[in-house]
Amino acid sequence: MGIFGQNLLDREDMDKYFCELCGIDENKPFECVGTRAEVMACLGEVVKRGEKYLLTQRHREYIESNAPLLSPMLAEYNGENLVPDKFADRVRAALGMAQDGDVFYNC
């Protein structure tokens, strides 16, 4: 909220982007926010914690039935990104990750 001054999940005018980001609609408007699975996993956690916002309440059923678990995603690093190697190597090393192709797993 610090960047935008308000919670974007409580804004009616964000519904179109919300639907695109989580896969309700086909188009994905922003590449910089992660995959749809990552977005849905985070929204699933928001709903699971009982946080209530306009857009998560409106699309709660879709979120609950489509959100993958977040915990497995936190234990892997997908190399298909634009993170500079010097930073990616540090992150993987700090997490003790081993490489399997372009995906890294916690050891």
Protein backbone atom coordinates (compact mmCIF):
# COMPACT_ATOMS: atom_id res chain seq x y z
CA MET A 1 0.00 0.00 0.00
CA GLY A 2 2.94 2.30 0.52
CA ILE A 3 3.64 2.64 -3.20
CA PHE A 4 0.05 3.20 -4.34
CA GLY A 5 -1.38 4.73 -1.17
CA GLN A 6 -4.21 2.20 -1.09
CA ASN A 7 -4.89 -1.50 -1.43
CA LEU A 8 -5.39 -2.26 -5.13
CA LEU A 9 -7.41 -5.36 -4.20
CA ASP A 10 -10.09 -2.99 -2.87
CA ARG A 11 -10.41 -1.00 -6.09
CA GLU A 12 -13.27 -1.76 -8.44
CA ASP A 13 -11.32 -0.40 -11.42
CA MET A 14 -8.64 -3.08 -10.89
CA ASP A 15 -11.02 -5.98 -11.56
CA LYS A 16 -10.00 -6.30 -15.23
CA TYR A 17 -6.29 -6.55 -14.34
CA PHE A 18 -7.02 -8.87 -11.42
CA CYS A 19 -8.89 -11.26 -13.73
CA GLU A 20 -6.06 -11.17 -16.26
CA LEU A 21 -3.34 -11.72 -13.66
CA CYS A 22 -4.97 -14.79 -12.15
CA GLY A 23 -6.13 -16.37 -15.40
CA ILE A 24 -9.86 -15.71 -15.29
CA ASP A 25 -9.32 -13.72 -18.49
CA GLU A 26 -6.86 -14.74 -21.20
CA ASN A 27 -4.53 -11.75 -21.43
CA LYS A 28 -1.73 -11.38 -18.85
CA PRO A 29 -1.04 -7.64 -18.60
CA PHE A 30 2.27 -7.56 -16.70
CA GLU A 31 5.30 -9.84 -17.04
CA CYS A 32 6.98 -8.41 -13.96
CA VAL A 33 4.60 -9.90 -11.40
CA GLY A 34 5.40 -13.57 -11.79
CA THR A 35 3.53 -16.46 -13.33
CA ARG A 36 -0.20 -16.96 -13.02
CA ALA A 37 0.48 -19.92 -10.73
CA GLU A 38 2.58 -17.68 -8.46
CA VAL A 39 -0.11 -14.98 -8.43
CA MET A 40 -2.80 -17.56 -7.66
CA ALA A 41 -0.71 -19.19 -4.91
CA CYS A 42 -0.30 -15.81 -3.21
CA LEU A 43 -4.00 -14.99 -3.58
CA GLY A 44 -4.80 -18.43 -2.16
CA GLU A 45 -2.74 -17.56 0.92
CA VAL A 46 -4.57 -14.23 1.28
CA VAL A 47 -7.93 -16.03 1.21
CA LYS A 48 -6.69 -18.82 3.50
CA ARG A 49 -5.60 -16.23 6.10
CA GLY A 50 -9.08 -14.74 6.10
CA GLU A 51 -8.05 -11.40 4.63
CA LYS A 52 -11.03 -9.82 2.89
CA TYR A 53 -10.72 -7.42 0.00
CA LEU A 54 -13.21 -6.45 -2.67
CA LEU A 55 -11.59 -8.45 -5.47
CA THR A 56 -10.57 -11.52 -3.47
CA GLN A 57 -14.09 -11.78 -2.06
CA ARG A 58 -15.64 -11.36 -5.51
CA HIS A 59 -13.43 -14.10 -7.00
CA ARG A 60 -13.03 -16.22 -3.87
CA GLU A 61 -14.54 -19.37 -5.36
CA TYR A 62 -12.21 -19.21 -8.38
CA ILE A 63 -9.19 -18.59 -6.14
CA GLU A 64 -10.03 -21.45 -3.78
CA SER A 65 -10.57 -23.92 -6.59
CA ASN A 66 -7.53 -22.93 -8.69
CA ALA A 67 -4.78 -21.76 -6.34
CA PRO A 68 -1.78 -24.09 -6.07
CA LEU A 69 0.00 -24.41 -2.73
CA LEU A 70 2.51 -21.67 -2.06
CA SER A 71 4.97 -23.71 0.02
CA PRO A 72 6.38 -25.83 -2.86
CA MET A 73 6.96 -22.64 -4.87
CA LEU A 74 9.00 -21.17 -2.04
CA ALA A 75 11.36 -24.15 -2.27
CA GLU A 76 12.25 -23.72 -5.93
CA TYR A 77 13.89 -21.13 -8.13
CA ASN A 78 12.90 -20.93 -11.76
CA GLY A 79 15.82 -19.84 -13.91
CA GLU A 80 13.54 -18.42 -16.61
CA ASN A 81 13.74 -14.82 -15.43
CA LEU A 82 15.71 -11.65 -16.01
CA VAL A 83 17.48 -11.61 -12.64
CA PRO A 84 21.17 -10.83 -13.26
CA ASP A 85 23.37 -13.91 -12.72
CA LYS A 86 25.41 -12.30 -9.94
CA PHE A 87 22.23 -11.84 -7.89
CA ALA A 88 20.60 -15.12 -8.89
CA ASP A 89 23.75 -17.04 -7.91
CA ARG A 90 23.71 -15.38 -4.49
CA VAL A 91 20.05 -16.19 -3.94
CA ARG A 92 20.49 -19.82 -4.96
CA ALA A 93 23.61 -20.17 -2.79
CA ALA A 94 21.87 -18.63 0.22
CA LEU A 95 18.98 -21.03 -0.20
CA GLY A 96 21.28 -24.04 -0.69
CA MET A 97 19.80 -24.85 -4.06
CA ALA A 98 20.90 -27.48 -6.57
CA GLN A 99 20.25 -27.06 -10.29
CA ASP A 100 18.11 -29.39 -12.40
CA GLY A 101 17.98 -27.78 -15.84
CA ASP A 102 16.59 -24.27 -15.47
CA VAL A 103 14.83 -25.04 -12.18
CA PHE A 104 16.59 -25.04 -8.84
CA TYR A 105 15.42 -27.01 -5.81
CA ASN A 106 16.10 -26.60 -2.12
CA CYS A 107 18.47 -29.32 -0.91
